Amino acid sequence: MDSIEKTSDVRFHATLWDEIPAEGSDLEALPRLARVHATNEYEGGITGTSILDYTFLYVSETFGTYVGFEQVTGAVDRRRLILPAPRGNV
């Protein structure tokens, strides 16, 4: 089976970023754990919206790590799409 590679111009912007400290975490303390619920809107080669849920570990004011999932619902080049996608840098 032949493989087809295609690129597309896609833009997104965040429509919601709701970050709350994990139970027992202080917003000012380091290290700290936080949970984030976010949404994005996509346009271009991908059109639609996404829902994201992350867990962040802030080790310092300038460094942290996160893991989460994003579910994109919309279309790629006008074809329907529902895509669960892992996110993170762990």
N, C-alpha and C. Protein backbone atom coordinates (compact mmCIF):
# COMPACT_ATOMS: atom_id res chain seq x y z
N MET A 1 0.84 -1.18 0.00
CA MET A 1 0.00 0.00 0.00
C MET A 1 0.89 1.24 0.00
N ASP A 2 0.59 2.17 -0.90
CA ASP A 2 1.36 3.40 -0.99
C ASP A 2 0.99 4.37 0.11
N SER A 3 1.96 5.13 0.53
CA SER A 3 1.76 6.15 1.56
C SER A 3 1.63 7.51 0.89
N ILE A 4 0.71 8.32 1.40
CA ILE A 4 0.53 9.68 0.89
C ILE A 4 0.83 10.64 2.02
N GLU A 5 1.71 11.58 1.76
CA GLU A 5 2.04 12.59 2.76
C GLU A 5 1.50 13.93 2.30
N LYS A 6 0.84 14.65 3.22
CA LYS A 6 0.24 15.93 2.87
C LYS A 6 0.43 16.88 4.05
N THR A 7 0.72 18.12 3.77
CA THR A 7 0.82 19.13 4.82
C THR A 7 -0.32 20.12 4.65
N SER A 8 -0.62 20.81 5.74
CA SER A 8 -1.72 21.76 5.71
C SER A 8 -1.44 22.88 6.70
N ASP A 9 -1.97 24.05 6.42
CA ASP A 9 -1.83 25.20 7.32
C ASP A 9 -2.98 25.15 8.33
N VAL A 10 -2.65 25.02 9.61
CA VAL A 10 -3.65 24.93 10.67
C VAL A 10 -3.34 25.98 11.73
N ARG A 11 -4.36 26.68 12.17
CA ARG A 11 -4.22 27.66 13.26
C ARG A 11 -5.21 27.29 14.36
N PHE A 12 -4.82 27.55 15.59
CA PHE A 12 -5.75 27.33 16.69
C PHE A 12 -5.59 28.45 17.70
N HIS A 13 -6.63 28.67 18.46
CA HIS A 13 -6.53 29.59 19.59
C HIS A 13 -7.29 29.01 20.77
N ALA A 14 -6.75 29.29 21.94
CA ALA A 14 -7.35 28.79 23.18
C ALA A 14 -8.63 29.58 23.47
N THR A 15 -9.69 28.87 23.80
CA THR A 15 -10.95 29.53 24.16
C THR A 15 -11.24 29.40 25.65
N LEU A 16 -10.52 28.51 26.34
CA LEU A 16 -10.69 28.36 27.79
C LEU A 16 -9.41 27.77 28.37
N TRP A 17 -9.00 28.28 29.52
CA TRP A 17 -7.88 27.72 30.30
C TRP A 17 -8.27 27.85 31.76
N ASP A 18 -8.70 26.75 32.35
CA ASP A 18 -9.16 26.74 33.74
C ASP A 18 -8.19 25.89 34.55
N GLU A 19 -7.30 26.55 35.28
CA GLU A 19 -6.27 25.85 36.06
C GLU A 19 -6.59 25.96 37.54
N ILE A 20 -6.62 24.81 38.21
CA ILE A 20 -6.88 24.79 39.65
C ILE A 20 -5.82 23.93 40.32
N PRO A 21 -5.45 24.28 41.54
CA PRO A 21 -4.46 23.46 42.25
C PRO A 21 -5.06 22.09 42.56
N ALA A 22 -4.23 21.07 42.47
CA ALA A 22 -4.67 19.74 42.88
C ALA A 22 -4.93 19.77 44.38
N GLU A 23 -5.80 18.89 44.82
CA GLU A 23 -6.14 18.85 46.24
C GLU A 23 -4.88 18.76 47.09
N GLY A 24 -4.77 19.66 48.05
CA GLY A 24 -3.62 19.69 48.93
C GLY A 24 -2.47 20.54 48.41
N SER A 25 -2.57 21.07 47.18
CA SER A 25 -1.50 21.91 46.63
C SER A 25 -1.82 23.38 46.87
N ASP A 26 -0.78 24.14 47.13
CA ASP A 26 -0.87 25.58 47.33
C ASP A 26 -0.45 26.25 46.01
N LEU A 27 -1.22 27.25 45.53
CA LEU A 27 -0.90 27.91 44.27
C LEU A 27 0.46 28.60 44.27
N GLU A 28 0.97 28.98 45.44
CA GLU A 28 2.24 29.70 45.50
C GLU A 28 3.42 28.78 45.83
N ALA A 29 3.17 27.61 46.36
CA ALA A 29 4.25 26.72 46.79
C ALA A 29 4.92 26.04 45.60
N LEU A 30 6.17 25.69 45.77
CA LEU A 30 6.90 24.90 44.77
C LEU A 30 7.56 23.73 45.47
N PRO A 31 7.58 22.56 44.92
CA PRO A 31 6.84 22.20 43.70
C PRO A 31 5.34 22.17 43.97
N ARG A 32 4.55 22.28 42.90
CA ARG A 32 3.10 22.22 43.06
C ARG A 32 2.47 21.46 41.90
N LEU A 33 1.32 20.90 42.18
CA LEU A 33 0.57 20.11 41.22
C LEU A 33 -0.71 20.86 40.88
N ALA A 34 -1.07 20.92 39.59
CA ALA A 34 -2.28 21.61 39.16
C ALA A 34 -2.98 20.79 38.08
N ARG A 35 -4.27 20.98 38.00
CA ARG A 35 -5.07 20.36 36.93
C ARG A 35 -5.61 21.47 36.04
N VAL A 36 -5.65 21.18 34.75
CA VAL A 36 -6.12 22.17 33.77
C VAL A 36 -7.17 21.54 32.89
N HIS A 37 -8.27 22.27 32.70
CA HIS A 37 -9.28 21.92 31.70
C HIS A 37 -9.25 23.08 30.70
N ALA A 38 -9.08 22.76 29.41
CA ALA A 38 -8.96 23.80 28.39
C ALA A 38 -9.73 23.40 27.14
N THR A 39 -10.01 24.41 26.31
CA THR A 39 -10.63 24.16 25.00
C THR A 39 -9.91 25.01 23.95
N ASN A 40 -9.90 24.53 22.72
CA ASN A 40 -9.31 25.24 21.58
C ASN A 40 -10.28 25.24 20.42
N GLU A 41 -10.10 26.21 19.52
CA GLU A 41 -10.79 26.23 18.23
C GLU A 41 -9.74 26.17 17.14
N TYR A 42 -9.99 25.34 16.11
CA TYR A 42 -9.07 25.15 15.00
C TYR A 42 -9.67 25.71 13.72
N GLU A 43 -8.79 26.23 12.85
CA GLU A 43 -9.22 26.68 11.52
C GLU A 43 -8.10 26.43 10.53
N GLY A 44 -8.45 26.33 9.28
CA GLY A 44 -7.48 26.01 8.24
C GLY A 44 -7.72 24.59 7.76
N GLY A 45 -6.64 23.81 7.63
CA GLY A 45 -6.76 22.43 7.18
C GLY A 45 -7.54 21.55 8.15
N ILE A 46 -7.50 21.90 9.44
CA ILE A 46 -8.35 21.27 10.46
C ILE A 46 -9.31 22.33 10.95
N THR A 47 -10.60 22.02 10.93
CA THR A 47 -11.59 22.92 11.50
C THR A 47 -12.32 22.17 12.60
N GLY A 48 -12.63 22.88 13.67
CA GLY A 48 -13.35 22.24 14.76
C GLY A 48 -12.91 22.75 16.11
N THR A 49 -13.18 21.94 17.12
CA THR A 49 -12.88 22.31 18.50
C THR A 49 -12.18 21.14 19.19
N SER A 50 -11.58 21.45 20.33
CA SER A 50 -10.97 20.38 21.11
C SER A 50 -11.18 20.64 22.59
N ILE A 51 -11.15 19.55 23.35
CA ILE A 51 -11.21 19.57 24.80
C ILE A 51 -9.91 18.95 25.29
N LEU A 52 -9.25 19.62 26.24
CA LEU A 52 -7.98 19.13 26.77
C LEU A 52 -8.07 19.03 28.29
N ASP A 53 -7.45 18.01 28.84
CA ASP A 53 -7.30 17.87 30.29
C ASP A 53 -5.86 17.51 30.57
N TYR A 54 -5.21 18.35 31.38
CA TYR A 54 -3.79 18.19 31.71
C TYR A 54 -3.60 18.06 33.22
N THR A 55 -2.48 17.47 33.61
CA THR A 55 -1.96 17.56 34.96
C THR A 55 -0.56 18.14 34.84
N PHE A 56 -0.31 19.24 35.54
CA PHE A 56 0.98 19.92 35.52
C PHE A 56 1.69 19.73 36.84
N LEU A 57 3.01 19.55 36.79
CA LEU A 57 3.86 19.57 37.96
C LEU A 57 4.84 20.72 37.75
N TYR A 58 4.69 21.79 38.55
CA TYR A 58 5.59 22.92 38.48
C TYR A 58 6.73 22.67 39.46
N VAL A 59 7.95 22.52 38.93
CA VAL A 59 9.11 22.26 39.76
C VAL A 59 9.74 23.56 40.23
N SER A 60 9.72 24.58 39.37
CA SER A 60 10.21 25.92 39.70
C SER A 60 9.33 26.92 38.95
N GLU A 61 9.64 28.19 39.08
CA GLU A 61 8.86 29.21 38.37
C GLU A 61 9.08 29.15 36.85
N THR A 62 10.16 28.51 36.41
CA THR A 62 10.47 28.47 34.98
C THR A 62 10.49 27.06 34.39
N PHE A 63 10.24 26.03 35.20
CA PHE A 63 10.30 24.67 34.68
C PHE A 63 9.21 23.81 35.30
N GLY A 64 8.64 22.96 34.45
CA GLY A 64 7.63 22.01 34.91
C GLY A 64 7.45 20.92 33.87
N THR A 65 6.56 20.04 34.15
CA THR A 65 6.26 18.96 33.23
C THR A 65 4.75 18.71 33.25
N TYR A 66 4.24 18.12 32.20
CA TYR A 66 2.79 17.89 32.14
C TYR A 66 2.48 16.65 31.33
N VAL A 67 1.27 16.15 31.54
CA VAL A 67 0.76 15.04 30.76
C VAL A 67 -0.75 15.26 30.62
N GLY A 68 -1.33 14.82 29.51
CA GLY A 68 -2.76 15.00 29.32
C GLY A 68 -3.22 14.45 27.99
N PHE A 69 -4.49 14.69 27.72
CA PHE A 69 -5.10 14.24 26.47
C PHE A 69 -5.93 15.37 25.87
N GLU A 70 -5.94 15.41 24.55
CA GLU A 70 -6.76 16.36 23.80
C GLU A 70 -7.65 15.56 22.87
N GLN A 71 -8.92 15.87 22.86
CA GLN A 71 -9.83 15.24 21.89
C GLN A 71 -10.30 16.32 20.92
N VAL A 72 -9.93 16.14 19.66
CA VAL A 72 -10.31 17.08 18.60
C VAL A 72 -11.53 16.52 17.89
N THR A 73 -12.54 17.36 17.72
CA THR A 73 -13.75 17.00 16.97
C THR A 73 -13.94 18.04 15.88
N GLY A 74 -14.00 17.60 14.64
CA GLY A 74 -14.15 18.53 13.54
C GLY A 74 -13.94 17.84 12.22
N ALA A 75 -13.13 18.47 11.35
CA ALA A 75 -12.90 17.94 10.02
C ALA A 75 -11.47 18.25 9.57
N VAL A 76 -10.91 17.32 8.80
CA VAL A 76 -9.62 17.52 8.13
C VAL A 76 -9.93 17.54 6.65
N ASP A 77 -9.62 18.66 6.02
CA ASP A 77 -9.95 18.82 4.60
C ASP A 77 -11.39 18.37 4.32
N ARG A 78 -12.31 18.80 5.16
CA ARG A 78 -13.75 18.57 5.06
C ARG A 78 -14.16 17.13 5.33
N ARG A 79 -13.27 16.29 5.84
CA ARG A 79 -13.62 14.93 6.26
C ARG A 79 -13.75 14.90 7.77
N ARG A 80 -14.84 14.31 8.25
CA ARG A 80 -15.14 14.27 9.69
C ARG A 80 -13.99 13.64 10.48
N LEU A 81 -13.74 14.19 11.66
CA LEU A 81 -12.62 13.75 12.48
C LEU A 81 -13.00 13.75 13.95
N ILE A 82 -12.72 12.66 14.63
CA ILE A 82 -12.71 12.62 16.09
C ILE A 82 -11.40 11.97 16.46
N LEU A 83 -10.51 12.74 17.09
CA LEU A 83 -9.14 12.29 17.30
C LEU A 83 -8.73 12.47 18.75
N PRO A 84 -8.55 11.38 19.50
CA PRO A 84 -7.94 11.52 20.83
C PRO A 84 -6.43 11.58 20.66
N ALA A 85 -5.79 12.54 21.28
CA ALA A 85 -4.35 12.72 21.11
C ALA A 85 -3.67 12.93 22.45
N PRO A 86 -2.67 12.10 22.78
CA PRO A 86 -1.94 12.32 24.02
C PRO A 86 -1.11 13.59 23.92
N ARG A 87 -0.94 14.27 25.02
CA ARG A 87 -0.14 15.49 25.10
C ARG A 87 0.78 15.37 26.30
N GLY A 88 1.95 15.93 26.22
CA GLY A 88 2.83 15.94 27.37
C GLY A 88 4.27 15.98 27.01
N ASN A 89 5.08 16.13 28.02
CA ASN A 89 6.52 16.14 27.84
C ASN A 89 7.20 15.22 28.84
N VAL A 90 6.48 14.21 29.28
CA VAL A 90 7.03 13.26 30.24
C VAL A 90 7.70 12.12 29.49
